[in-house]
Amino acid sequence: MAALSRWLEAMRDVAHLPAAVTDDIHVERFAPVARGTVADAPVQVMDGVAAVATWLRLTPKNVAFELAGEPVVDGDLVTVEYIYRVTDHDWSNGGTWALRLAGDRIAWLAHRPFALA
């Protein structure tokens, strides 16, 4: 899915963010929960490219995200599991993204990390 590829690029370099998301992107970040647990409510909400870019810049440069499986499409909702790794350590964790597209860009995204094991 091209939108997710562009999202991963934007996570590495926010200069790619406008190609990945709509101008009015809405991102909800949830607190970490155990795998299989439904997150209650977002702990942070970001609207617009600038707000999302500010959030993405908080990710340390030695953290790399990748997809952990194939996206599952259910109507207009896309869900996919991701993994993030600390590149200079033997450590990783993951979570899920739920998203909705507008054309070929992400218009809404829920970032739901798994609790640290």
C-alpha atoms as a PDB file:
ATOM      1  CA  MET A   1       0.000   0.000   0.000  1.00  0.00           C
ATOM      2  CA  ALA A   2       1.670   3.181  -1.239  1.00  0.00           C
ATOM      3  CA  ALA A   3       0.214   5.404   1.502  1.00  0.00           C
ATOM      4  CA  LEU A   4       1.863   3.286   4.209  1.00  0.00           C
ATOM      5  CA  SER A   5       5.184   3.279   2.362  1.00  0.00           C
ATOM      6  CA  ARG A   6       5.076   7.062   2.207  1.00  0.00           C
ATOM      7  CA  TRP A   7       4.100   7.201   5.908  1.00  0.00           C
ATOM      8  CA  LEU A   8       7.167   5.129   6.817  1.00  0.00           C
ATOM      9  CA  GLU A   9       9.335   7.470   4.715  1.00  0.00           C
ATOM     10  CA  ALA A  10       7.823  10.464   6.518  1.00  0.00           C
ATOM     11  CA  MET A  11       8.606   8.879   9.880  1.00  0.00           C
ATOM     12  CA  ARG A  12      12.281   8.790   8.826  1.00  0.00           C
ATOM     13  CA  ASP A  13      12.253  12.264   7.276  1.00  0.00           C
ATOM     14  CA  VAL A  14       9.371  14.688   7.888  1.00  0.00           C
ATOM     15  CA  ALA A  15      10.099  16.364   4.547  1.00  0.00           C
ATOM     16  CA  HIS A  16       8.136  13.434   3.046  1.00  0.00           C
ATOM     17  CA  LEU A  17       5.081  14.028   5.262  1.00  0.00           C
ATOM     18  CA  PRO A  18       3.025  16.123   2.774  1.00  0.00           C
ATOM     19  CA  ALA A  19       3.181  13.251   0.266  1.00  0.00           C
ATOM     20  CA  ALA A  20       1.936  10.786   2.891  1.00  0.00           C
ATOM     21  CA  VAL A  21      -0.944  12.636   4.538  1.00  0.00           C
ATOM     22  CA  THR A  22      -3.714  15.086   3.728  1.00  0.00           C
ATOM     23  CA  ASP A  23      -3.364  18.739   4.735  1.00  0.00           C
ATOM     24  CA  ASP A  24      -6.008  18.214   7.432  1.00  0.00           C
ATOM     25  CA  ILE A  25      -4.508  14.962   8.777  1.00  0.00           C
ATOM     26  CA  HIS A  26      -5.869  13.914  12.167  1.00  0.00           C
ATOM     27  CA  VAL A  27      -3.616  11.668  14.302  1.00  0.00           C
ATOM     28  CA  GLU A  28      -4.595  10.132  17.619  1.00  0.00           C
ATOM     29  CA  ARG A  29      -1.816   8.737  19.808  1.00  0.00           C
ATOM     30  CA  PHE A  30      -2.820   6.191  22.430  1.00  0.00           C
ATOM     31  CA  ALA A  31      -0.975   5.088  25.548  1.00  0.00           C
ATOM     32  CA  PRO A  32       0.727   1.696  25.260  1.00  0.00           C
ATOM     33  CA  VAL A  33      -1.537  -1.283  25.979  1.00  0.00           C
ATOM     34  CA  ALA A  34      -1.021  -5.035  26.128  1.00  0.00           C
ATOM     35  CA  ARG A  35      -1.312  -6.797  22.778  1.00  0.00           C
ATOM     36  CA  GLY A  36      -4.951  -7.714  22.186  1.00  0.00           C
ATOM     37  CA  THR A  37      -6.247  -4.974  24.483  1.00  0.00           C
ATOM     38  CA  VAL A  38      -8.420  -2.196  23.138  1.00  0.00           C
ATOM     39  CA  ALA A  39      -7.062   1.271  23.897  1.00  0.00           C
ATOM     40  CA  ASP A  40      -9.598   3.521  25.610  1.00  0.00           C
ATOM     41  CA  ALA A  41      -8.985   7.070  24.459  1.00  0.00           C
ATOM     42  CA  PRO A  42      -6.118   8.931  22.843  1.00  0.00           C
ATOM     43  CA  VAL A  43      -3.615  10.644  25.102  1.00  0.00           C
ATOM     44  CA  GLN A  44      -2.669  13.113  22.366  1.00  0.00           C
ATOM     45  CA  VAL A  45      -4.451  14.430  19.287  1.00  0.00           C
ATOM     46  CA  MET A  46      -2.713  16.211  16.433  1.00  0.00           C
ATOM     47  CA  ASP A  47      -4.387  18.036  13.572  1.00  0.00           C
ATOM     48  CA  GLY A  48      -2.603  19.224  10.465  1.00  0.00           C
ATOM     49  CA  VAL A  49       0.745  18.538   8.850  1.00  0.00           C
ATOM     50  CA  ALA A  50       2.706  20.917  11.099  1.00  0.00           C
ATOM     51  CA  ALA A  51       1.450  19.293  14.316  1.00  0.00           C
ATOM     52  CA  VAL A  52       2.167  15.784  13.040  1.00  0.00           C
ATOM     53  CA  ALA A  53       5.621  16.849  11.841  1.00  0.00           C
ATOM     54  CA  THR A  54       6.412  18.231  15.300  1.00  0.00           C
ATOM     55  CA  TRP A  55       5.380  14.907  16.843  1.00  0.00           C
ATOM     56  CA  LEU A  56       7.413  12.844  14.362  1.00  0.00           C
ATOM     57  CA  ARG A  57      10.519  14.910  15.080  1.00  0.00           C
ATOM     58  CA  LEU A  58      10.403  13.613  18.679  1.00  0.00           C
ATOM     59  CA  THR A  59      11.328  10.116  17.494  1.00  0.00           C
ATOM     60  CA  PRO A  60      15.042   9.484  18.054  1.00  0.00           C
ATOM     61  CA  LYS A  61      17.051   8.950  14.841  1.00  0.00           C
ATOM     62  CA  ASN A  62      18.094   5.461  15.991  1.00  0.00           C
ATOM     63  CA  VAL A  63      14.470   4.232  15.986  1.00  0.00           C
ATOM     64  CA  ALA A  64      13.267   2.630  12.750  1.00  0.00           C
ATOM     65  CA  PHE A  65       9.664   1.676  11.978  1.00  0.00           C
ATOM     66  CA  GLU A  66       8.520  -1.032   9.558  1.00  0.00           C
ATOM     67  CA  LEU A  67       5.357  -2.963   8.824  1.00  0.00           C
ATOM     68  CA  ALA A  68       5.026  -6.256  10.696  1.00  0.00           C
ATOM     69  CA  GLY A  69       2.357  -7.688   8.440  1.00  0.00           C
ATOM     70  CA  GLU A  70      -0.025  -7.005   5.620  1.00  0.00           C
ATOM     71  CA  PRO A  71      -2.622  -4.258   5.979  1.00  0.00           C
ATOM     72  CA  VAL A  72      -6.163  -5.475   6.632  1.00  0.00           C
ATOM     73  CA  VAL A  73      -8.869  -3.493   4.862  1.00  0.00           C
ATOM     74  CA  ASP A  74     -12.368  -3.447   6.363  1.00  0.00           C
ATOM     75  CA  GLY A  75     -14.512  -0.982   4.438  1.00  0.00           C
ATOM     76  CA  ASP A  76     -12.728   2.365   4.681  1.00  0.00           C
ATOM     77  CA  LEU A  77     -10.641   1.312   7.702  1.00  0.00           C
ATOM     78  CA  VAL A  78      -7.133  -0.053   7.223  1.00  0.00           C
ATOM     79  CA  THR A  79      -5.355  -1.738  10.139  1.00  0.00           C
ATOM     80  CA  VAL A  80      -1.746  -2.877  10.168  1.00  0.00           C
ATOM     81  CA  GLU A  81       0.728  -3.980  12.783  1.00  0.00           C
ATOM     82  CA  TYR A  82       4.098  -2.249  12.936  1.00  0.00           C
ATOM     83  CA  ILE A  83       7.441  -2.892  14.590  1.00  0.00           C
ATOM     84  CA  TYR A  84       9.917  -0.311  15.729  1.00  0.00           C
ATOM     85  CA  ARG A  85      13.535  -1.126  16.440  1.00  0.00           C
ATOM     86  CA  VAL A  86      16.332   0.693  18.158  1.00  0.00           C
ATOM     87  CA  THR A  87      18.958   0.291  15.468  1.00  0.00           C
ATOM     88  CA  ASP A  88      22.032   0.415  17.711  1.00  0.00           C
ATOM     89  CA  HIS A  89      20.604  -1.999  20.306  1.00  0.00           C
ATOM     90  CA  ASP A  90      18.983  -5.410  20.151  1.00  0.00           C
ATOM     91  CA  TRP A  91      15.539  -4.136  21.123  1.00  0.00           C
ATOM     92  CA  SER A  92      12.172  -3.803  19.432  1.00  0.00           C
ATOM     93  CA  ASN A  93       8.499  -3.340  20.181  1.00  0.00           C
ATOM     94  CA  GLY A  94       5.422  -2.759  18.083  1.00  0.00           C
ATOM     95  CA  GLY A  95       1.849  -1.718  17.879  1.00  0.00           C
ATOM     96  CA  THR A  96      -0.946  -1.134  15.418  1.00  0.00           C
ATOM     97  CA  TRP A  97      -1.976   1.677  13.158  1.00  0.00           C
ATOM     98  CA  ALA A  98      -5.573   2.139  12.140  1.00  0.00           C
ATOM     99  CA  LEU A  99      -6.054   4.598   9.316  1.00  0.00           C
ATOM    100  CA  ARG A 100      -8.434   6.013   6.779  1.00  0.00           C
ATOM    101  CA  LEU A 101      -7.376   7.264   3.376  1.00  0.00           C
ATOM    102  CA  ALA A 102      -8.475  10.202   1.271  1.00  0.00           C
ATOM    103  CA  GLY A 103      -7.402   9.294  -2.215  1.00  0.00           C
ATOM    104  CA  ASP A 104      -3.887   7.930  -1.863  1.00  0.00           C
ATOM    105  CA  ARG A 105      -2.942   9.788   1.339  1.00  0.00           C
ATOM    106  CA  ILE A 106      -3.694   9.186   5.009  1.00  0.00           C
ATOM    107  CA  ALA A 107      -6.461  11.428   6.388  1.00  0.00           C
ATOM    108  CA  TRP A 108      -6.826   9.843   9.858  1.00  0.00           C
ATOM    109  CA  LEU A 109      -4.457   7.639  11.829  1.00  0.00           C
ATOM    110  CA  ALA A 110      -4.625   6.021  15.279  1.00  0.00           C
ATOM    111  CA  HIS A 111      -1.175   5.176  16.658  1.00  0.00           C
ATOM    112  CA  ARG A 112      -1.551   2.369  19.222  1.00  0.00           C
ATOM    113  CA  PRO A 113       1.738   1.057  20.626  1.00  0.00           C
ATOM    114  CA  PHE A 114       1.984  -2.176  22.566  1.00  0.00           C
ATOM    115  CA  ALA A 115       3.051  -2.003  26.196  1.00  0.00           C
ATOM    116  CA  LEU A 116       6.712  -2.784  26.772  1.00  0.00           C
ATOM    117  CA  ALA A 117       7.268  -6.421  27.577  1.00  0.00           C
END
